[in-house]
Amino acid sequence: SWGIVEIRVTDPPPANVKSAVVYLNSIEVHRAGKDGSDNSSDNTSGWISVIGAPASFDLMSVIGIEQVLGSANLSAGKYTQIRMGVTNVTGVTTDNVSYTAEVPSDKLKIVGNFTVGGGNTTVLTIDFDGEKSLIQTGQGKFLFKPVIKLLVNNDGKGSVNNRGESDKGRGGENEENEGKGNSGNSRNNSGKKD
């Protein structure tokens, strides 16, 4: 059977900026094998594209709302990760100065289990912490180091926050901070990259 997965993004405001546009070239989800693992030998696991065309969102325009990035019909079953290809981050500061942020890794990987039910819609909301994700390094330079939380909602049955992490370039580190979600446990993810 098939179900629908919809990927959204939301964000609190980053400091000292009027806009911070994140450009993506792909969003994919990883299906677990029949045994529930990512390394299944039954050929059912693998990456599935949710959007293949370029997309973008402004961290400032999704404050308090959820912007839909894409949706797809997927085979019902267990999924374990979301992967987003980040190509560029540009914006304007509150002083009206344009900037292009350094993006240490072009892949943002969010690890967290979610299930797509047959005939149901599963909404995945990627909640960026703007103040921690976009860092001003001095001399007007910015660094995009995503700090995110994944919220999973299966047809209004409540949100479950899952662990996420970003692929790290050049041996970066990953931190987690415990918090409380809408329902269930939550973890904030700091996808730090060197």
C-alpha atoms as a PDB file:
ATOM      1  CA  SER A   1       0.000   0.000   0.000  1.00  0.00           C
ATOM      2  CA  TRP A   2       0.974   3.628  -0.395  1.00  0.00           C
ATOM      3  CA  GLY A   3       0.953   6.717   1.771  1.00  0.00           C
ATOM      4  CA  ILE A   4       1.832  10.372   1.327  1.00  0.00           C
ATOM      5  CA  VAL A   5       4.801  12.044   2.966  1.00  0.00           C
ATOM      6  CA  GLU A   6       4.883  15.835   3.090  1.00  0.00           C
ATOM      7  CA  ILE A   7       8.040  17.701   4.116  1.00  0.00           C
ATOM      8  CA  ARG A   8       7.702  21.167   5.632  1.00  0.00           C
ATOM      9  CA  VAL A   9      10.108  23.673   7.155  1.00  0.00           C
ATOM     10  CA  THR A  10       9.696  26.181   9.994  1.00  0.00           C
ATOM     11  CA  ASP A  11      12.041  28.422  11.945  1.00  0.00           C
ATOM     12  CA  PRO A  12      12.521  30.987  14.711  1.00  0.00           C
ATOM     13  CA  PRO A  13      14.352  34.135  13.553  1.00  0.00           C
ATOM     14  CA  PRO A  14      18.122  34.327  13.163  1.00  0.00           C
ATOM     15  CA  ALA A  15      19.829  37.367  14.685  1.00  0.00           C
ATOM     16  CA  ASN A  16      20.948  40.409  12.657  1.00  0.00           C
ATOM     17  CA  VAL A  17      19.400  39.332   9.354  1.00  0.00           C
ATOM     18  CA  LYS A  18      16.365  40.318   7.317  1.00  0.00           C
ATOM     19  CA  SER A  19      16.582  37.318   5.022  1.00  0.00           C
ATOM     20  CA  ALA A  20      18.422  33.997   4.868  1.00  0.00           C
ATOM     21  CA  VAL A  21      17.471  32.013   1.790  1.00  0.00           C
ATOM     22  CA  VAL A  22      18.484  28.350   1.801  1.00  0.00           C
ATOM     23  CA  TYR A  23      18.699  26.778  -1.673  1.00  0.00           C
ATOM     24  CA  LEU A  24      18.191  23.017  -2.031  1.00  0.00           C
ATOM     25  CA  ASN A  25      18.784  20.759  -5.011  1.00  0.00           C
ATOM     26  CA  SER A  26      17.188  17.602  -3.550  1.00  0.00           C
ATOM     27  CA  ILE A  27      15.249  16.104  -0.668  1.00  0.00           C
ATOM     28  CA  GLU A  28      15.315  12.341  -0.139  1.00  0.00           C
ATOM     29  CA  VAL A  29      14.039   9.902   2.479  1.00  0.00           C
ATOM     30  CA  HIS A  30      15.625   6.573   3.374  1.00  0.00           C
ATOM     31  CA  ARG A  31      13.406   3.497   3.526  1.00  0.00           C
ATOM     32  CA  ALA A  32      14.390   0.758   5.972  1.00  0.00           C
ATOM     33  CA  GLY A  33      14.527  -2.846   4.825  1.00  0.00           C
ATOM     34  CA  LYS A  34      11.984  -5.477   5.813  1.00  0.00           C
ATOM     35  CA  ASP A  35      14.049  -6.225   8.913  1.00  0.00           C
ATOM     36  CA  GLY A  36      13.805  -2.540   9.921  1.00  0.00           C
ATOM     37  CA  SER A  37      17.485  -1.765   9.361  1.00  0.00           C
ATOM     38  CA  ASP A  38      19.252   0.576   6.938  1.00  0.00           C
ATOM     39  CA  ASN A  39      21.620  -2.187   5.838  1.00  0.00           C
ATOM     40  CA  SER A  40      19.063  -4.792   4.851  1.00  0.00           C
ATOM     41  CA  SER A  41      20.062  -7.353   2.241  1.00  0.00           C
ATOM     42  CA  ASP A  42      16.504  -7.756   0.890  1.00  0.00           C
ATOM     43  CA  ASN A  43      16.837  -4.836  -1.591  1.00  0.00           C
ATOM     44  CA  THR A  44      13.875  -2.969  -0.043  1.00  0.00           C
ATOM     45  CA  SER A  45      15.977  -0.301   1.671  1.00  0.00           C
ATOM     46  CA  GLY A  46      17.361   2.770  -0.071  1.00  0.00           C
ATOM     47  CA  TRP A  47      17.035   6.476  -0.818  1.00  0.00           C
ATOM     48  CA  ILE A  48      13.840   7.781  -2.458  1.00  0.00           C
ATOM     49  CA  SER A  49      13.503  11.276  -3.918  1.00  0.00           C
ATOM     50  CA  VAL A  50      10.762  13.523  -2.523  1.00  0.00           C
ATOM     51  CA  ILE A  51      11.765  16.501  -4.657  1.00  0.00           C
ATOM     52  CA  GLY A  52      14.254  16.385  -7.489  1.00  0.00           C
ATOM     53  CA  ALA A  53      13.877  19.966  -8.679  1.00  0.00           C
ATOM     54  CA  PRO A  54      15.617  22.885  -6.939  1.00  0.00           C
ATOM     55  CA  ALA A  55      13.685  24.466  -4.054  1.00  0.00           C
ATOM     56  CA  SER A  56      14.368  27.277  -1.611  1.00  0.00           C
ATOM     57  CA  PHE A  57      13.020  28.841   1.559  1.00  0.00           C
ATOM     58  CA  ASP A  58      13.779  32.005   3.514  1.00  0.00           C
ATOM     59  CA  LEU A  59      14.400  31.336   7.211  1.00  0.00           C
ATOM     60  CA  MET A  60      12.727  34.688   7.955  1.00  0.00           C
ATOM     61  CA  SER A  61       9.553  33.977   5.976  1.00  0.00           C
ATOM     62  CA  VAL A  62       8.804  30.674   7.757  1.00  0.00           C
ATOM     63  CA  ILE A  63       8.743  32.147  11.273  1.00  0.00           C
ATOM     64  CA  GLY A  64       5.632  30.799  12.996  1.00  0.00           C
ATOM     65  CA  ILE A  65       4.389  29.038   9.857  1.00  0.00           C
ATOM     66  CA  GLU A  66       5.253  25.854   8.009  1.00  0.00           C
ATOM     67  CA  GLN A  67       6.231  26.057   4.345  1.00  0.00           C
ATOM     68  CA  VAL A  68       5.716  22.911   2.258  1.00  0.00           C
ATOM     69  CA  LEU A  69       8.917  21.950   0.437  1.00  0.00           C
ATOM     70  CA  GLY A  70       7.572  18.862  -1.288  1.00  0.00           C
ATOM     71  CA  SER A  71       5.450  15.733  -1.047  1.00  0.00           C
ATOM     72  CA  ALA A  72       5.487  12.291  -2.585  1.00  0.00           C
ATOM     73  CA  ASN A  73       3.566   9.015  -2.651  1.00  0.00           C
ATOM     74  CA  LEU A  74       5.739   6.427  -0.914  1.00  0.00           C
ATOM     75  CA  SER A  75       5.412   2.740  -0.156  1.00  0.00           C
ATOM     76  CA  ALA A  76       3.994   2.230   3.308  1.00  0.00           C
ATOM     77  CA  GLY A  77       6.647   1.245   5.805  1.00  0.00           C
ATOM     78  CA  LYS A  78       9.415   2.427   8.086  1.00  0.00           C
ATOM     79  CA  TYR A  79      11.782   5.226   7.111  1.00  0.00           C
ATOM     80  CA  THR A  80      14.895   6.243   9.011  1.00  0.00           C
ATOM     81  CA  GLN A  81      16.425   9.415   7.549  1.00  0.00           C
ATOM     82  CA  ILE A  82      15.871  12.561   5.510  1.00  0.00           C
ATOM     83  CA  ARG A  83      18.665  13.970   3.361  1.00  0.00           C
ATOM     84  CA  MET A  84      18.656  17.488   1.889  1.00  0.00           C
ATOM     85  CA  GLY A  85      21.183  18.792  -0.632  1.00  0.00           C
ATOM     86  CA  VAL A  86      22.072  22.412   0.285  1.00  0.00           C
ATOM     87  CA  THR A  87      23.648  24.344  -2.586  1.00  0.00           C
ATOM     88  CA  ASN A  88      23.764  27.913  -1.263  1.00  0.00           C
ATOM     89  CA  VAL A  89      22.624  30.263   1.516  1.00  0.00           C
ATOM     90  CA  THR A  90      22.286  33.987   0.781  1.00  0.00           C
ATOM     91  CA  GLY A  91      20.567  36.922   2.429  1.00  0.00           C
ATOM     92  CA  VAL A  92      20.527  40.492   3.667  1.00  0.00           C
ATOM     93  CA  THR A  93      21.476  41.759   7.132  1.00  0.00           C
ATOM     94  CA  THR A  94      19.443  44.243   9.154  1.00  0.00           C
ATOM     95  CA  ASP A  95      21.978  46.866   7.923  1.00  0.00           C
ATOM     96  CA  ASN A  96      20.948  46.061   4.304  1.00  0.00           C
ATOM     97  CA  VAL A  97      24.247  44.336   3.490  1.00  0.00           C
ATOM     98  CA  SER A  98      24.031  41.294   1.188  1.00  0.00           C
ATOM     99  CA  TYR A  99      25.916  38.156   2.191  1.00  0.00           C
ATOM    100  CA  THR A 100      26.594  34.607   1.088  1.00  0.00           C
ATOM    101  CA  ALA A 101      27.052  32.209   3.986  1.00  0.00           C
ATOM    102  CA  GLU A 102      29.723  29.540   3.988  1.00  0.00           C
ATOM    103  CA  VAL A 103      28.129  26.077   3.817  1.00  0.00           C
ATOM    104  CA  PRO A 104      30.655  23.547   5.227  1.00  0.00           C
ATOM    105  CA  SER A 105      28.723  20.518   3.961  1.00  0.00           C
ATOM    106  CA  ASP A 106      26.390  20.267   0.976  1.00  0.00           C
ATOM    107  CA  LYS A 107      24.335  17.474   2.585  1.00  0.00           C
ATOM    108  CA  LEU A 108      22.061  17.865   5.591  1.00  0.00           C
ATOM    109  CA  LYS A 109      21.126  14.466   7.027  1.00  0.00           C
ATOM    110  CA  ILE A 110      18.339  14.169   9.605  1.00  0.00           C
ATOM    111  CA  VAL A 111      18.276  10.810  11.381  1.00  0.00           C
ATOM    112  CA  GLY A 112      14.915   9.845  12.859  1.00  0.00           C
ATOM    113  CA  ASN A 113      12.443   6.997  12.458  1.00  0.00           C
ATOM    114  CA  PHE A 114       9.014   7.646  10.993  1.00  0.00           C
ATOM    115  CA  THR A 115       6.380   5.378   9.515  1.00  0.00           C
ATOM    116  CA  VAL A 116       4.345   6.014   6.386  1.00  0.00           C
ATOM    117  CA  GLY A 117       0.941   4.350   6.761  1.00  0.00           C
ATOM    118  CA  GLY A 118      -1.099   3.082   3.839  1.00  0.00           C
ATOM    119  CA  GLY A 119      -3.684   5.683   2.821  1.00  0.00           C
ATOM    120  CA  ASN A 120      -2.379   8.191   5.394  1.00  0.00           C
ATOM    121  CA  THR A 121      -0.443  11.447   5.183  1.00  0.00           C
ATOM    122  CA  THR A 122       2.720  11.743   7.263  1.00  0.00           C
ATOM    123  CA  VAL A 123       3.880  15.334   7.787  1.00  0.00           C
ATOM    124  CA  LEU A 124       7.577  15.829   8.538  1.00  0.00           C
ATOM    125  CA  THR A 125       8.444  19.324   9.776  1.00  0.00           C
ATOM    126  CA  ILE A 126      12.094  20.337   9.827  1.00  0.00           C
ATOM    127  CA  ASP A 127      12.356  22.969  12.545  1.00  0.00           C
ATOM    128  CA  PHE A 128      15.511  25.078  12.149  1.00  0.00           C
ATOM    129  CA  ASP A 129      16.869  27.069  15.084  1.00  0.00           C
ATOM    130  CA  GLY A 130      17.758  30.173  13.100  1.00  0.00           C
ATOM    131  CA  GLU A 131      19.851  31.888  15.752  1.00  0.00           C
ATOM    132  CA  LYS A 132      22.071  28.808  16.105  1.00  0.00           C
ATOM    133  CA  SER A 133      21.973  27.695  12.454  1.00  0.00           C
ATOM    134  CA  LEU A 134      23.227  30.936  10.929  1.00  0.00           C
ATOM    135  CA  ILE A 135      26.301  32.204  12.745  1.00  0.00           C
ATOM    136  CA  GLN A 136      27.913  35.588  12.183  1.00  0.00           C
ATOM    137  CA  THR A 137      31.662  34.988  12.338  1.00  0.00           C
ATOM    138  CA  GLY A 138      32.834  38.630  12.221  1.00  0.00           C
ATOM    139  CA  GLN A 139      33.634  41.085   9.430  1.00  0.00           C
ATOM    140  CA  GLY A 140      30.166  40.496   7.985  1.00  0.00           C
ATOM    141  CA  LYS A 141      30.763  36.804   7.295  1.00  0.00           C
ATOM    142  CA  PHE A 142      28.198  34.114   8.034  1.00  0.00           C
ATOM    143  CA  LEU A 143      28.403  30.348   8.498  1.00  0.00           C
ATOM    144  CA  PHE A 144      25.431  27.994   7.948  1.00  0.00           C
ATOM    145  CA  LYS A 145      25.661  25.193  10.553  1.00  0.00           C
ATOM    146  CA  PRO A 146      22.110  23.795  10.851  1.00  0.00           C
ATOM    147  CA  VAL A 147      20.630  23.140  14.281  1.00  0.00           C
ATOM    148  CA  ILE A 148      17.367  21.320  13.696  1.00  0.00           C
ATOM    149  CA  LYS A 149      14.550  19.320  15.214  1.00  0.00           C
ATOM    150  CA  LEU A 150      12.411  16.834  13.256  1.00  0.00           C
ATOM    151  CA  LEU A 151       8.685  16.820  14.098  1.00  0.00           C
ATOM    152  CA  VAL A 152       6.641  13.854  12.833  1.00  0.00           C
ATOM    153  CA  ASN A 153       2.854  14.016  12.591  1.00  0.00           C
ATOM    154  CA  ASN A 154       0.823  11.045  11.324  1.00  0.00           C
ATOM    155  CA  ASP A 155      -2.648  12.405  10.452  1.00  0.00           C
ATOM    156  CA  GLY A 156      -2.897  14.654  13.495  1.00  0.00           C
ATOM    157  CA  LYS A 157      -1.932  11.968  16.011  1.00  0.00           C
ATOM    158  CA  GLY A 158       0.559  14.270  17.724  1.00  0.00           C
ATOM    159  CA  SER A 159       4.149  15.195  17.123  1.00  0.00           C
ATOM    160  CA  VAL A 160       7.160  13.108  17.925  1.00  0.00           C
ATOM    161  CA  ASN A 161      10.524  14.793  17.834  1.00  0.00           C
ATOM    162  CA  ASN A 162      13.349  12.675  16.500  1.00  0.00           C
ATOM    163  CA  ARG A 163      17.111  12.926  16.489  1.00  0.00           C
ATOM    164  CA  GLY A 164      18.656  14.594  13.507  1.00  0.00           C
ATOM    165  CA  GLU A 165      22.172  15.314  12.396  1.00  0.00           C
ATOM    166  CA  SER A 166      23.871  16.839   9.423  1.00  0.00           C
ATOM    167  CA  ASP A 167      26.631  15.262   7.401  1.00  0.00           C
ATOM    168  CA  LYS A 168      29.804  16.794   8.662  1.00  0.00           C
ATOM    169  CA  GLY A 169      32.604  18.101   6.507  1.00  0.00           C
ATOM    170  CA  ARG A 170      36.218  17.722   7.624  1.00  0.00           C
ATOM    171  CA  GLY A 171      35.595  15.836  10.856  1.00  0.00           C
ATOM    172  CA  GLY A 172      33.075  18.115  12.568  1.00  0.00           C
ATOM    173  CA  GLU A 173      31.266  17.289  15.800  1.00  0.00           C
ATOM    174  CA  ASN A 174      27.616  16.617  16.621  1.00  0.00           C
ATOM    175  CA  GLU A 175      25.804  17.689  19.791  1.00  0.00           C
ATOM    176  CA  GLU A 176      22.379  16.862  21.196  1.00  0.00           C
ATOM    177  CA  ASN A 177      20.344  18.709  23.785  1.00  0.00           C
ATOM    178  CA  GLU A 178      17.352  17.120  25.480  1.00  0.00           C
ATOM    179  CA  GLY A 179      14.071  19.048  25.477  1.00  0.00           C
ATOM    180  CA  LYS A 180      10.291  18.601  25.547  1.00  0.00           C
ATOM    181  CA  GLY A 181       8.169  18.420  22.417  1.00  0.00           C
ATOM    182  CA  ASN A 182       4.467  18.837  21.718  1.00  0.00           C
ATOM    183  CA  SER A 183       3.898  15.252  22.818  1.00  0.00           C
ATOM    184  CA  GLY A 184       6.424  12.555  23.525  1.00  0.00           C
ATOM    185  CA  ASN A 185      10.123  13.145  23.916  1.00  0.00           C
ATOM    186  CA  SER A 186      12.133  15.523  21.814  1.00  0.00           C
ATOM    187  CA  ARG A 187      15.752  16.091  21.063  1.00  0.00           C
ATOM    188  CA  ASN A 188      17.242  19.211  19.645  1.00  0.00           C
ATOM    189  CA  ASN A 189      19.961  18.541  17.135  1.00  0.00           C
ATOM    190  CA  SER A 190      22.997  20.614  16.590  1.00  0.00           C
ATOM    191  CA  GLY A 191      24.286  19.617  13.177  1.00  0.00           C
ATOM    192  CA  LYS A 192      27.699  21.139  13.668  1.00  0.00           C
ATOM    193  CA  LYS A 193      30.273  20.950  10.937  1.00  0.00           C
ATOM    194  CA  ASP A 194      33.843  22.211  10.868  1.00  0.00           C
END
